Amino acid sequence: MTESLSLAGRTAVVTGAGAGLGRAEALALAAAGAAVVVNDMGDGAQEVAAEIMAAGGQATAVIGDVSDWALGERLVHEAVSTFGSMDILVNNAGILRDKMIFNLSESDWDDVIRVHLKGHAARP
């Protein structure tokens, strides 16, 4: 028999949690009892936070771009000021441009690099 994982009393920050894998991770963490700081660029963050709260969990949304280094500090501050700690980080944010590298515009390339490299290195 497998014991269920309890994250009660823990706080998780999940970047890129407005859709897809990030959303699933945020919902799973909340189902395990963690309070969740949901981050994404748009309304998806608020929608996922609302879904977690509707299911009886604790969540708050922080909208912003992970490549903005100040956002890292905001996420930590939100976790600590709202829930008392920051125990878990799921650095999930990412973007895709559905093109081959040889026909990817410089702007699209810069967006991918900004989110995947700078965004994952951003910290308070």
PDB file of N, CA and C in Angstrom:
ATOM      1  N   MET A   1       0.844  -1.174   0.000  1.00  0.00           N
ATOM      2  CA  MET A   1       0.000   0.000   0.000  1.00  0.00           C
ATOM      3  C   MET A   1       0.892   1.241   0.000  1.00  0.00           C
ATOM      4  N   THR A   2       0.574   2.195  -0.828  1.00  0.00           N
ATOM      5  CA  THR A   2       1.347   3.426  -0.931  1.00  0.00           C
ATOM      6  C   THR A   2       0.717   4.501  -0.067  1.00  0.00           C
ATOM      7  N   GLU A   3       1.543   5.125   0.766  1.00  0.00           N
ATOM      8  CA  GLU A   3       1.047   6.226   1.570  1.00  0.00           C
ATOM      9  C   GLU A   3       0.945   7.458   0.694  1.00  0.00           C
ATOM     10  N   SER A   4      -0.065   8.279   0.938  1.00  0.00           N
ATOM     11  CA  SER A   4      -0.199   9.496   0.153  1.00  0.00           C
ATOM     12  C   SER A   4       0.751  10.557   0.702  1.00  0.00           C
ATOM     13  N   LEU A   5       1.211  11.382  -0.195  1.00  0.00           N
ATOM     14  CA  LEU A   5       2.135  12.453   0.154  1.00  0.00           C
ATOM     15  C   LEU A   5       1.340  13.624   0.737  1.00  0.00           C
ATOM     16  N   SER A   6       1.736  14.088   1.897  1.00  0.00           N
ATOM     17  CA  SER A   6       1.097  15.255   2.486  1.00  0.00           C
ATOM     18  C   SER A   6       2.058  16.433   2.469  1.00  0.00           C
ATOM     19  N   LEU A   7       1.615  17.499   1.871  1.00  0.00           N
ATOM     20  CA  LEU A   7       2.388  18.739   1.848  1.00  0.00           C
ATOM     21  C   LEU A   7       1.719  19.820   2.691  1.00  0.00           C
ATOM     22  N   ALA A   8       0.871  19.400   3.608  1.00  0.00           N
ATOM     23  CA  ALA A   8       0.192  20.347   4.487  1.00  0.00           C
ATOM     24  C   ALA A   8       1.222  21.197   5.218  1.00  0.00           C
ATOM     25  N   GLY A   9       0.978  22.491   5.263  1.00  0.00           N
ATOM     26  CA  GLY A   9       1.881  23.411   5.932  1.00  0.00           C
ATOM     27  C   GLY A   9       3.039  23.870   5.071  1.00  0.00           C
ATOM     28  N   ARG A  10       3.109  23.396   3.844  1.00  0.00           N
ATOM     29  CA  ARG A  10       4.173  23.787   2.916  1.00  0.00           C
ATOM     30  C   ARG A  10       3.611  24.767   1.888  1.00  0.00           C
ATOM     31  N   THR A  11       4.500  25.585   1.336  1.00  0.00           N
ATOM     32  CA  THR A  11       4.107  26.531   0.293  1.00  0.00           C
ATOM     33  C   THR A  11       4.937  26.276  -0.947  1.00  0.00           C
ATOM     34  N   ALA A  12       4.253  26.193  -2.081  1.00  0.00           N
ATOM     35  CA  ALA A  12       4.904  25.957  -3.367  1.00  0.00           C
ATOM     36  C   ALA A  12       4.714  27.163  -4.279  1.00  0.00           C
ATOM     37  N   VAL A  13       5.748  27.480  -5.027  1.00  0.00           N
ATOM     38  CA  VAL A  13       5.670  28.464  -6.099  1.00  0.00           C
ATOM     39  C   VAL A  13       5.806  27.685  -7.393  1.00  0.00           C
ATOM     40  N   VAL A  14       4.865  27.881  -8.315  1.00  0.00           N
ATOM     41  CA  VAL A  14       4.912  27.193  -9.605  1.00  0.00           C
ATOM     42  C   VAL A  14       4.863  28.247 -10.700  1.00  0.00           C
ATOM     43  N   THR A  15       5.958  28.348 -11.475  1.00  0.00           N
ATOM     44  CA  THR A  15       5.975  29.272 -12.605  1.00  0.00           C
ATOM     45  C   THR A  15       5.380  28.569 -13.822  1.00  0.00           C
ATOM     46  N   GLY A  16       4.797  29.350 -14.708  1.00  0.00           N
ATOM     47  CA  GLY A  16       4.182  28.779 -15.894  1.00  0.00           C
ATOM     48  C   GLY A  16       2.994  27.907 -15.556  1.00  0.00           C
ATOM     49  N   ALA A  17       2.270  28.261 -14.497  1.00  0.00           N
ATOM     50  CA  ALA A  17       1.202  27.401 -13.974  1.00  0.00           C
ATOM     51  C   ALA A  17      -0.185  27.751 -14.500  1.00  0.00           C
ATOM     52  N   GLY A  18      -0.261  28.601 -15.505  1.00  0.00           N
ATOM     53  CA  GLY A  18      -1.565  28.989 -16.026  1.00  0.00           C
ATOM     54  C   GLY A  18      -2.183  27.986 -16.977  1.00  0.00           C
ATOM     55  N   ALA A  19      -1.398  27.011 -17.440  1.00  0.00           N
ATOM     56  CA  ALA A  19      -1.902  26.023 -18.399  1.00  0.00           C
ATOM     57  C   ALA A  19      -0.950  24.833 -18.435  1.00  0.00           C
ATOM     58  N   GLY A  20      -1.379  23.782 -19.087  1.00  0.00           N
ATOM     59  CA  GLY A  20      -0.523  22.638 -19.370  1.00  0.00           C
ATOM     60  C   GLY A  20       0.068  21.971 -18.146  1.00  0.00           C
ATOM     61  N   LEU A  21       1.350  21.604 -18.271  1.00  0.00           N
ATOM     62  CA  LEU A  21       2.038  20.891 -17.207  1.00  0.00           C
ATOM     63  C   LEU A  21       2.109  21.702 -15.916  1.00  0.00           C
ATOM     64  N   GLY A  22       2.374  23.010 -16.020  1.00  0.00           N
ATOM     65  CA  GLY A  22       2.435  23.856 -14.830  1.00  0.00           C
ATOM     66  C   GLY A  22       1.116  23.862 -14.073  1.00  0.00           C
ATOM     67  N   ARG A  23       0.011  23.916 -14.803  1.00  0.00           N
ATOM     68  CA  ARG A  23      -1.317  23.871 -14.183  1.00  0.00           C
ATOM     69  C   ARG A  23      -1.496  22.552 -13.440  1.00  0.00           C
ATOM     70  N   ALA A  24      -1.144  21.456 -14.106  1.00  0.00           N
ATOM     71  CA  ALA A  24      -1.281  20.135 -13.487  1.00  0.00           C
ATOM     72  C   ALA A  24      -0.422  20.029 -12.230  1.00  0.00           C
ATOM     73  N   GLU A  25       0.785  20.583 -12.280  1.00  0.00           N
ATOM     74  CA  GLU A  25       1.662  20.557 -11.110  1.00  0.00           C
ATOM     75  C   GLU A  25       1.078  21.370  -9.964  1.00  0.00           C
ATOM     76  N   ALA A  26       0.557  22.555 -10.262  1.00  0.00           N
ATOM     77  CA  ALA A  26      -0.043  23.403  -9.225  1.00  0.00           C
ATOM     78  C   ALA A  26      -1.248  22.710  -8.591  1.00  0.00           C
ATOM     79  N   LEU A  27      -2.090  22.100  -9.410  1.00  0.00           N
ATOM     80  CA  LEU A  27      -3.268  21.406  -8.883  1.00  0.00           C
ATOM     81  C   LEU A  27      -2.865  20.196  -8.042  1.00  0.00           C
ATOM     82  N   ALA A  28      -1.845  19.468  -8.466  1.00  0.00           N
ATOM     83  CA  ALA A  28      -1.390  18.294  -7.710  1.00  0.00           C
ATOM     84  C   ALA A  28      -0.780  18.702  -6.371  1.00  0.00           C
ATOM     85  N   LEU A  29       0.000  19.769  -6.376  1.00  0.00           N
ATOM     86  CA  LEU A  29       0.580  20.258  -5.119  1.00  0.00           C
ATOM     87  C   LEU A  29      -0.521  20.694  -4.160  1.00  0.00           C
ATOM     88  N   ALA A  30      -1.520  21.391  -4.686  1.00  0.00           N
ATOM     89  CA  ALA A  30      -2.641  21.822  -3.849  1.00  0.00           C
ATOM     90  C   ALA A  30      -3.423  20.625  -3.322  1.00  0.00           C
ATOM     91  N   ALA A  31      -3.633  19.618  -4.168  1.00  0.00           N
ATOM     92  CA  ALA A  31      -4.355  18.416  -3.739  1.00  0.00           C
ATOM     93  C   ALA A  31      -3.596  17.682  -2.632  1.00  0.00           C
ATOM     94  N   ALA A  32      -2.274  17.828  -2.632  1.00  0.00           N
ATOM     95  CA  ALA A  32      -1.451  17.205  -1.584  1.00  0.00           C
ATOM     96  C   ALA A  32      -1.379  18.073  -0.330  1.00  0.00           C
ATOM     97  N   GLY A  33      -2.039  19.243  -0.352  1.00  0.00           N
ATOM     98  CA  GLY A  33      -2.132  20.081   0.839  1.00  0.00           C
ATOM     99  C   GLY A  33      -1.278  21.329   0.841  1.00  0.00           C
ATOM    100  N   ALA A  34      -0.457  21.535  -0.185  1.00  0.00           N
ATOM    101  CA  ALA A  34       0.389  22.738  -0.225  1.00  0.00           C
ATOM    102  C   ALA A  34      -0.429  23.969  -0.586  1.00  0.00           C
ATOM    103  N   ALA A  35      -0.041  25.090  -0.020  1.00  0.00           N
ATOM    104  CA  ALA A  35      -0.537  26.381  -0.491  1.00  0.00           C
ATOM    105  C   ALA A  35       0.295  26.693  -1.727  1.00  0.00           C
ATOM    106  N   VAL A  36      -0.329  27.279  -2.751  1.00  0.00           N
ATOM    107  CA  VAL A  36       0.363  27.444  -4.025  1.00  0.00           C
ATOM    108  C   VAL A  36       0.328  28.892  -4.497  1.00  0.00           C
ATOM    109  N   VAL A  37       1.506  29.411  -4.853  1.00  0.00           N
ATOM    110  CA  VAL A  37       1.630  30.689  -5.537  1.00  0.00           C
ATOM    111  C   VAL A  37       1.698  30.340  -7.018  1.00  0.00           C
ATOM    112  N   VAL A  38       0.666  30.724  -7.743  1.00  0.00           N
ATOM    113  CA  VAL A  38       0.514  30.376  -9.156  1.00  0.00           C
ATOM    114  C   VAL A  38       1.010  31.541 -10.004  1.00  0.00           C
ATOM    115  N   ASN A  39       1.997  31.273 -10.849  1.00  0.00           N
ATOM    116  CA  ASN A  39       2.542  32.326 -11.719  1.00  0.00           C
ATOM    117  C   ASN A  39       2.334  31.990 -13.180  1.00  0.00           C
ATOM    118  N   ASP A  40       1.964  32.995 -13.939  1.00  0.00           N
ATOM    119  CA  ASP A  40       1.938  32.920 -15.394  1.00  0.00           C
ATOM    120  C   ASP A  40       1.821  34.339 -15.925  1.00  0.00           C
ATOM    121  N   MET A  41       1.849  34.462 -17.230  1.00  0.00           N
ATOM    122  CA  MET A  41       1.822  35.780 -17.872  1.00  0.00           C
ATOM    123  C   MET A  41       0.423  36.392 -17.937  1.00  0.00           C
ATOM    124  N   GLY A  42      -0.603  35.598 -17.915  1.00  0.00           N
ATOM    125  CA  GLY A  42      -1.941  36.144 -18.134  1.00  0.00           C
ATOM    126  C   GLY A  42      -2.971  35.613 -17.166  1.00  0.00           C
ATOM    127  N   ASP A  43      -4.212  35.646 -17.625  1.00  0.00           N
ATOM    128  CA  ASP A  43      -5.358  35.286 -16.795  1.00  0.00           C
ATOM    129  C   ASP A  43      -5.331  33.847 -16.294  1.00  0.00           C
ATOM    130  N   GLY A  44      -4.571  32.992 -16.956  1.00  0.00           N
ATOM    131  CA  GLY A  44      -4.503  31.593 -16.537  1.00  0.00           C
ATOM    132  C   GLY A  44      -4.064  31.436 -15.094  1.00  0.00           C
ATOM    133  N   ALA A  45      -3.171  32.306 -14.628  1.00  0.00           N
ATOM    134  CA  ALA A  45      -2.703  32.232 -13.241  1.00  0.00           C
ATOM    135  C   ALA A  45      -3.873  32.437 -12.277  1.00  0.00           C
ATOM    136  N   GLN A  46      -4.684  33.428 -12.547  1.00  0.00           N
ATOM    137  CA  GLN A  46      -5.837  33.696 -11.678  1.00  0.00           C
ATOM    138  C   GLN A  46      -6.865  32.574 -11.761  1.00  0.00           C
ATOM    139  N   GLU A  47      -7.042  32.020 -12.944  1.00  0.00           N
ATOM    140  CA  GLU A  47      -8.007  30.932 -13.114  1.00  0.00           C
ATOM    141  C   GLU A  47      -7.588  29.686 -12.344  1.00  0.00           C
ATOM    142  N   VAL A  48      -6.300  29.343 -12.404  1.00  0.00           N
ATOM    143  CA  VAL A  48      -5.816  28.166 -11.676  1.00  0.00           C
ATOM    144  C   VAL A  48      -5.888  28.405 -10.170  1.00  0.00           C
ATOM    145  N   ALA A  49      -5.517  29.595  -9.710  1.00  0.00           N
ATOM    146  CA  ALA A  49      -5.629  29.910  -8.282  1.00  0.00           C
ATOM    147  C   ALA A  49      -7.083  29.804  -7.825  1.00  0.00           C
ATOM    148  N   ALA A  50      -7.999  30.305  -8.635  1.00  0.00           N
ATOM    149  CA  ALA A  50      -9.425  30.220  -8.296  1.00  0.00           C
ATOM    150  C   ALA A  50      -9.891  28.764  -8.259  1.00  0.00           C
ATOM    151  N   GLU A  51      -9.398  27.942  -9.174  1.00  0.00           N
ATOM    152  CA  GLU A  51      -9.759  26.523  -9.199  1.00  0.00           C
ATOM    153  C   GLU A  51      -9.269  25.814  -7.932  1.00  0.00           C
ATOM    154  N   ILE A  52      -8.057  26.142  -7.513  1.00  0.00           N
ATOM    155  CA  ILE A  52      -7.515  25.551  -6.289  1.00  0.00           C
ATOM    156  C   ILE A  52      -8.355  25.961  -5.083  1.00  0.00           C
ATOM    157  N   MET A  53      -8.696  27.242  -4.999  1.00  0.00           N
ATOM    158  CA  MET A  53      -9.492  27.720  -3.858  1.00  0.00           C
ATOM    159  C   MET A  53     -10.897  27.134  -3.882  1.00  0.00           C
ATOM    160  N   ALA A  54     -11.482  26.969  -5.067  1.00  0.00           N
ATOM    161  CA  ALA A  54     -12.820  26.379  -5.173  1.00  0.00           C
ATOM    162  C   ALA A  54     -12.833  24.933  -4.684  1.00  0.00           C
ATOM    163  N   ALA A  55     -11.684  24.267  -4.795  1.00  0.00           N
ATOM    164  CA  ALA A  55     -11.575  22.884  -4.327  1.00  0.00           C
ATOM    165  C   ALA A  55     -11.197  22.810  -2.846  1.00  0.00           C
ATOM    166  N   GLY A  56     -11.108  23.974  -2.189  1.00  0.00           N
ATOM    167  CA  GLY A  56     -10.813  24.003  -0.762  1.00  0.00           C
ATOM    168  C   GLY A  56      -9.354  24.240  -0.411  1.00  0.00           C
ATOM    169  N   GLY A  57      -8.525  24.483  -1.432  1.00  0.00           N
ATOM    170  CA  GLY A  57      -7.107  24.722  -1.182  1.00  0.00           C
ATOM    171  C   GLY A  57      -6.783  26.189  -1.003  1.00  0.00           C
ATOM    172  N   GLN A  58      -5.504  26.461  -0.796  1.00  0.00           N
ATOM    173  CA  GLN A  58      -5.024  27.829  -0.639  1.00  0.00           C
ATOM    174  C   GLN A  58      -4.149  28.173  -1.832  1.00  0.00           C
ATOM    175  N   ALA A  59      -4.422  29.332  -2.440  1.00  0.00           N
ATOM    176  CA  ALA A  59      -3.634  29.748  -3.598  1.00  0.00           C
ATOM    177  C   ALA A  59      -3.741  31.246  -3.794  1.00  0.00           C
ATOM    178  N   THR A  60      -2.743  31.771  -4.438  1.00  0.00           N
ATOM    179  CA  THR A  60      -2.754  33.159  -4.866  1.00  0.00           C
ATOM    180  C   THR A  60      -2.055  33.217  -6.213  1.00  0.00           C
ATOM    181  N   ALA A  61      -2.421  34.193  -7.016  1.00  0.00           N
ATOM    182  CA  ALA A  61      -1.839  34.342  -8.353  1.00  0.00           C
ATOM    183  C   ALA A  61      -0.894  35.530  -8.382  1.00  0.00           C
ATOM    184  N   VAL A  62       0.238  35.350  -9.042  1.00  0.00           N
ATOM    185  CA  VAL A  62       1.170  36.440  -9.311  1.00  0.00           C
ATOM    186  C   VAL A  62       1.417  36.431 -10.805  1.00  0.00           C
ATOM    187  N   ILE A  63       0.908  37.444 -11.477  1.00  0.00           N
ATOM    188  CA  ILE A  63       1.059  37.536 -12.920  1.00  0.00           C
ATOM    189  C   ILE A  63       2.365  38.247 -13.238  1.00  0.00           C
ATOM    190  N   GLY A  64       3.145  37.664 -14.127  1.00  0.00           N
ATOM    191  CA  GLY A  64       4.383  38.298 -14.523  1.00  0.00           C
ATOM    192  C   GLY A  64       5.255  37.386 -15.353  1.00  0.00           C
ATOM    193  N   ASP A  65       6.263  37.980 -15.941  1.00  0.00           N
ATOM    194  CA  ASP A  65       7.201  37.334 -16.851  1.00  0.00           C
ATOM    195  C   ASP A  65       8.418  36.850 -16.067  1.00  0.00           C
ATOM    196  N   VAL A  66       8.713  35.556 -16.116  1.00  0.00           N
ATOM    197  CA  VAL A  66       9.826  35.001 -15.346  1.00  0.00           C
ATOM    198  C   VAL A  66      11.182  35.548 -15.764  1.00  0.00           C
ATOM    199  N   SER A  67      11.264  36.130 -16.948  1.00  0.00           N
ATOM    200  CA  SER A  67      12.552  36.686 -17.358  1.00  0.00           C
ATOM    201  C   SER A  67      12.814  38.048 -16.735  1.00  0.00           C
ATOM    202  N   ASP A  68      11.831  38.590 -16.027  1.00  0.00           N
ATOM    203  CA  ASP A  68      12.003  39.821 -15.253  1.00  0.00           C
ATOM    204  C   ASP A  68      12.525  39.399 -13.879  1.00  0.00           C
ATOM    205  N   TRP A  69      13.797  39.674 -13.624  1.00  0.00           N
ATOM    206  CA  TRP A  69      14.418  39.188 -12.394  1.00  0.00           C
ATOM    207  C   TRP A  69      13.704  39.670 -11.141  1.00  0.00           C
ATOM    208  N   ALA A  70      13.048  40.797 -11.204  1.00  0.00           N
ATOM    209  CA  ALA A  70      12.307  41.291 -10.040  1.00  0.00           C
ATOM    210  C   ALA A  70      11.130  40.377  -9.703  1.00  0.00           C
ATOM    211  N   LEU A  71      10.638  39.629 -10.688  1.00  0.00           N
ATOM    212  CA  LEU A  71       9.517  38.723 -10.424  1.00  0.00           C
ATOM    213  C   LEU A  71       9.919  37.635  -9.434  1.00  0.00           C
ATOM    214  N   GLY A  72      11.144  37.148  -9.511  1.00  0.00           N
ATOM    215  CA  GLY A  72      11.599  36.135  -8.552  1.00  0.00           C
ATOM    216  C   GLY A  72      11.428  36.607  -7.123  1.00  0.00           C
ATOM    217  N   GLU A  73      11.814  37.836  -6.885  1.00  0.00           N
ATOM    218  CA  GLU A  73      11.654  38.405  -5.543  1.00  0.00           C
ATOM    219  C   GLU A  73      10.183  38.546  -5.184  1.00  0.00           C
ATOM    220  N   ARG A  74       9.361  38.966  -6.142  1.00  0.00           N
ATOM    221  CA  ARG A  74       7.916  39.095  -5.878  1.00  0.00           C
ATOM    222  C   ARG A  74       7.303  37.745  -5.521  1.00  0.00           C
ATOM    223  N   LEU A  75       7.715  36.691  -6.209  1.00  0.00           N
ATOM    224  CA  LEU A  75       7.155  35.363  -5.938  1.00  0.00           C
ATOM    225  C   LEU A  75       7.510  34.894  -4.529  1.00  0.00           C
ATOM    226  N   VAL A  76       8.757  35.071  -4.138  1.00  0.00           N
ATOM    227  CA  VAL A  76       9.172  34.691  -2.791  1.00  0.00           C
ATOM    228  C   VAL A  76       8.432  35.538  -1.760  1.00  0.00           C
ATOM    229  N   HIS A  77       8.366  36.832  -1.997  1.00  0.00           N
ATOM    230  CA  HIS A  77       7.671  37.728  -1.062  1.00  0.00           C
ATOM    231  C   HIS A  77       6.206  37.321  -0.922  1.00  0.00           C
ATOM    232  N   GLU A  78       5.550  37.025  -2.027  1.00  0.00           N
ATOM    233  CA  GLU A  78       4.139  36.627  -1.984  1.00  0.00           C
ATOM    234  C   GLU A  78       3.966  35.336  -1.188  1.00  0.00           C
ATOM    235  N   ALA A  79       4.835  34.365  -1.406  1.00  0.00           N
ATOM    236  CA  ALA A  79       4.741  33.097  -0.671  1.00  0.00           C
ATOM    237  C   ALA A  79       4.901  33.322   0.826  1.00  0.00           C
ATOM    238  N   VAL A  80       5.925  34.068   1.196  1.00  0.00           N
ATOM    239  CA  VAL A  80       6.219  34.268   2.621  1.00  0.00           C
ATOM    240  C   VAL A  80       5.179  35.165   3.282  1.00  0.00           C
ATOM    241  N   SER A  81       4.808  36.259   2.616  1.00  0.00           N
ATOM    242  CA  SER A  81       3.857  37.186   3.247  1.00  0.00           C
ATOM    243  C   SER A  81       2.440  36.623   3.301  1.00  0.00           C
ATOM    244  N   THR A  82       2.061  35.799   2.332  1.00  0.00           N
ATOM    245  CA  THR A  82       0.700  35.258   2.304  1.00  0.00           C
ATOM    246  C   THR A  82       0.577  33.956   3.089  1.00  0.00           C
ATOM    247  N   PHE A  83       1.566  33.077   2.947  1.00  0.00           N
ATOM    248  CA  PHE A  83       1.444  31.734   3.536  1.00  0.00           C
ATOM    249  C   PHE A  83       2.496  31.416   4.597  1.00  0.00           C
ATOM    250  N   GLY A  84       3.451  32.317   4.814  1.00  0.00           N
ATOM    251  CA  GLY A  84       4.405  32.140   5.898  1.00  0.00           C
ATOM    252  C   GLY A  84       5.722  31.469   5.549  1.00  0.00           C
ATOM    253  N   SER A  85       5.828  30.921   4.352  1.00  0.00           N
ATOM    254  CA  SER A  85       7.082  30.262   3.962  1.00  0.00           C
ATOM    255  C   SER A  85       7.104  30.046   2.459  1.00  0.00           C
ATOM    256  N   MET A  86       8.255  29.644   1.977  1.00  0.00           N
ATOM    257  CA  MET A  86       8.389  29.141   0.611  1.00  0.00           C
ATOM    258  C   MET A  86       9.238  27.889   0.698  1.00  0.00           C
ATOM    259  N   ASP A  87       8.627  26.762   0.435  1.00  0.00           N
ATOM    260  CA  ASP A  87       9.289  25.480   0.632  1.00  0.00           C
ATOM    261  C   ASP A  87       9.599  24.739  -0.667  1.00  0.00           C
ATOM    262  N   ILE A  88       8.814  25.006  -1.700  1.00  0.00           N
ATOM    263  CA  ILE A  88       8.910  24.251  -2.950  1.00  0.00           C
ATOM    264  C   ILE A  88       8.915  25.234  -4.113  1.00  0.00           C
ATOM    265  N   LEU A  89       9.811  25.009  -5.058  1.00  0.00           N
ATOM    266  CA  LEU A  89       9.817  25.788  -6.296  1.00  0.00           C
ATOM    267  C   LEU A  89       9.745  24.834  -7.470  1.00  0.00           C
ATOM    268  N   VAL A  90       8.740  25.030  -8.308  1.00  0.00           N
ATOM    269  CA  VAL A  90       8.644  24.306  -9.574  1.00  0.00           C
ATOM    270  C   VAL A  90       8.838  25.357 -10.659  1.00  0.00           C
ATOM    271  N   ASN A  91      10.044  25.391 -11.190  1.00  0.00           N
ATOM    272  CA  ASN A  91      10.424  26.401 -12.180  1.00  0.00           C
ATOM    273  C   ASN A  91      10.061  25.859 -13.554  1.00  0.00           C
ATOM    274  N   ASN A  92       8.794  25.957 -13.889  1.00  0.00           N
ATOM    275  CA  ASN A  92       8.214  25.284 -15.036  1.00  0.00           C
ATOM    276  C   ASN A  92       8.019  26.182 -16.254  1.00  0.00           C
ATOM    277  N   ALA A  93       8.061  27.486 -16.098  1.00  0.00           N
ATOM    278  CA  ALA A  93       7.718  28.386 -17.202  1.00  0.00           C
ATOM    279  C   ALA A  93       8.569  28.120 -18.430  1.00  0.00           C
ATOM    280  N   GLY A  94       7.930  28.142 -19.562  1.00  0.00           N
ATOM    281  CA  GLY A  94       8.626  27.962 -20.830  1.00  0.00           C
ATOM    282  C   GLY A  94       7.727  28.347 -21.979  1.00  0.00           C
ATOM    283  N   ILE A  95       8.342  28.648 -23.088  1.00  0.00           N
ATOM    284  CA  ILE A  95       7.573  28.964 -24.291  1.00  0.00           C
ATOM    285  C   ILE A  95       8.161  28.214 -25.471  1.00  0.00           C
ATOM    286  N   LEU A  96       7.337  27.999 -26.457  1.00  0.00           N
ATOM    287  CA  LEU A  96       7.770  27.365 -27.698  1.00  0.00           C
ATOM    288  C   LEU A  96       7.379  28.245 -28.868  1.00  0.00           C
ATOM    289  N   ARG A  97       8.184  28.196 -29.868  1.00  0.00           N
ATOM    290  CA  ARG A  97       7.858  28.802 -31.149  1.00  0.00           C
ATOM    291  C   ARG A  97       7.912  27.644 -32.132  1.00  0.00           C
ATOM    292  N   ASP A  98       6.773  27.278 -32.673  1.00  0.00           N
ATOM    293  CA  ASP A  98       6.637  26.072 -33.476  1.00  0.00           C
ATOM    294  C   ASP A  98       7.258  26.250 -34.861  1.00  0.00           C
ATOM    295  N   LYS A  99       8.592  26.346 -34.864  1.00  0.00           N
ATOM    296  CA  LYS A  99       9.336  26.525 -36.105  1.00  0.00           C
ATOM    297  C   LYS A  99      10.663  25.804 -35.974  1.00  0.00           C
ATOM    298  N   MET A 100      11.254  25.529 -37.113  1.00  0.00           N
ATOM    299  CA  MET A 100      12.610  24.978 -37.129  1.00  0.00           C
ATOM    300  C   MET A 100      13.577  26.137 -36.923  1.00  0.00           C
ATOM    301  N   ILE A 101      14.743  25.849 -36.396  1.00  0.00           N
ATOM    302  CA  ILE A 101      15.701  26.906 -36.090  1.00  0.00           C
ATOM    303  C   ILE A 101      16.079  27.728 -37.323  1.00  0.00           C
ATOM    304  N   PHE A 102      16.087  27.104 -38.486  1.00  0.00           N
ATOM    305  CA  PHE A 102      16.495  27.837 -39.686  1.00  0.00           C
ATOM    306  C   PHE A 102      15.433  28.806 -40.194  1.00  0.00           C
ATOM    307  N   ASN A 103      14.202  28.697 -39.729  1.00  0.00           N
ATOM    308  CA  ASN A 103      13.197  29.692 -40.117  1.00  0.00           C
ATOM    309  C   ASN A 103      12.590  30.409 -38.902  1.00  0.00           C
ATOM    310  N   LEU A 104      13.291  30.357 -37.792  1.00  0.00           N
ATOM    311  CA  LEU A 104      12.896  31.060 -36.584  1.00  0.00           C
ATOM    312  C   LEU A 104      13.403  32.498 -36.669  1.00  0.00           C
ATOM    313  N   SER A 105      12.525  33.448 -36.434  1.00  0.00           N
ATOM    314  CA  SER A 105      12.959  34.848 -36.480  1.00  0.00           C
ATOM    315  C   SER A 105      13.847  35.160 -35.274  1.00  0.00           C
ATOM    316  N   GLU A 106      14.630  36.204 -35.400  1.00  0.00           N
ATOM    317  CA  GLU A 106      15.486  36.612 -34.284  1.00  0.00           C
ATOM    318  C   GLU A 106      14.646  36.960 -33.061  1.00  0.00           C
ATOM    319  N   SER A 107      13.513  37.595 -33.269  1.00  0.00           N
ATOM    320  CA  SER A 107      12.630  37.970 -32.159  1.00  0.00           C
ATOM    321  C   SER A 107      12.105  36.728 -31.427  1.00  0.00           C
ATOM    322  N   ASP A 108      11.675  35.717 -32.198  1.00  0.00           N
ATOM    323  CA  ASP A 108      11.203  34.476 -31.575  1.00  0.00           C
ATOM    324  C   ASP A 108      12.335  33.785 -30.820  1.00  0.00           C
ATOM    325  N   TRP A 109      13.524  33.756 -31.417  1.00  0.00           N
ATOM    326  CA  TRP A 109      14.702  33.173 -30.765  1.00  0.00           C
ATOM    327  C   TRP A 109      14.961  33.884 -29.436  1.00  0.00           C
ATOM    328  N   ASP A 110      14.939  35.219 -29.462  1.00  0.00           N
ATOM    329  CA  ASP A 110      15.188  35.997 -28.251  1.00  0.00           C
ATOM    330  C   ASP A 110      14.155  35.690 -27.166  1.00  0.00           C
ATOM    331  N   ASP A 111      12.879  35.515 -27.556  1.00  0.00           N
ATOM    332  CA  ASP A 111      11.838  35.181 -26.584  1.00  0.00           C
ATOM    333  C   ASP A 111      12.113  33.840 -25.907  1.00  0.00           C
ATOM    334  N   VAL A 112      12.469  32.835 -26.690  1.00  0.00           N
ATOM    335  CA  VAL A 112      12.741  31.503 -26.138  1.00  0.00           C
ATOM    336  C   VAL A 112      13.939  31.556 -25.199  1.00  0.00           C
ATOM    337  N   ILE A 113      15.008  32.206 -25.617  1.00  0.00           N
ATOM    338  CA  ILE A 113      16.209  32.304 -24.789  1.00  0.00           C
ATOM    339  C   ILE A 113      15.925  33.100 -23.517  1.00  0.00           C
ATOM    340  N   ARG A 114      15.157  34.173 -23.644  1.00  0.00           N
ATOM    341  CA  ARG A 114      14.833  35.022 -22.496  1.00  0.00           C
ATOM    342  C   ARG A 114      14.092  34.221 -21.435  1.00  0.00           C
ATOM    343  N   VAL A 115      13.108  33.440 -21.829  1.00  0.00           N
ATOM    344  CA  VAL A 115      12.315  32.685 -20.858  1.00  0.00           C
ATOM    345  C   VAL A 115      13.075  31.465 -20.341  1.00  0.00           C
ATOM    346  N   HIS A 116      13.668  30.696 -21.242  1.00  0.00           N
ATOM    347  CA  HIS A 116      14.276  29.429 -20.831  1.00  0.00           C
ATOM    348  C   HIS A 116      15.627  29.585 -20.144  1.00  0.00           C
ATOM    349  N   LEU A 117      16.379  30.601 -20.484  1.00  0.00           N
ATOM    350  CA  LEU A 117      17.672  30.784 -19.829  1.00  0.00           C
ATOM    351  C   LEU A 117      17.607  31.847 -18.748  1.00  0.00           C
ATOM    352  N   LYS A 118      17.269  33.052 -19.130  1.00  0.00           N
ATOM    353  CA  LYS A 118      17.227  34.127 -18.139  1.00  0.00           C
ATOM    354  C   LYS A 118      16.143  33.859 -17.097  1.00  0.00           C
ATOM    355  N   GLY A 119      14.991  33.401 -17.532  1.00  0.00           N
ATOM    356  CA  GLY A 119      13.889  33.150 -16.609  1.00  0.00           C
ATOM    357  C   GLY A 119      14.177  32.071 -15.593  1.00  0.00           C
ATOM    358  N   HIS A 120      14.944  31.064 -15.957  1.00  0.00           N
ATOM    359  CA  HIS A 120      15.279  30.010 -15.001  1.00  0.00           C
ATOM    360  C   HIS A 120      16.441  30.391 -14.095  1.00  0.00           C
ATOM    361  N   ALA A 121      17.163  31.420 -14.468  1.00  0.00           N
ATOM    362  CA  ALA A 121      18.262  31.888 -13.613  1.00  0.00           C
ATOM    363  C   ALA A 121      17.823  33.011 -12.676  1.00  0.00           C
ATOM    364  N   ALA A 122      16.683  33.628 -12.948  1.00  0.00           N
ATOM    365  CA  ALA A 122      16.202  34.744 -12.131  1.00  0.00           C
ATOM    366  C   ALA A 122      15.981  34.295 -10.699  1.00  0.00           C
ATOM    367  N   ARG A 123      16.401  35.135  -9.790  1.00  0.00           N
ATOM    368  CA  ARG A 123      16.253  34.811  -8.373  1.00  0.00           C
ATOM    369  C   ARG A 123      16.234  36.119  -7.571  1.00  0.00           C
ATOM    370  N   PRO A 124      15.732  36.046  -6.374  1.00  0.00           N
ATOM    371  CA  PRO A 124      15.731  37.258  -5.537  1.00  0.00           C
ATOM    372  C   PRO A 124      17.117  37.579  -5.021  1.00  0.00           C
TER     373      PRO A 124
END
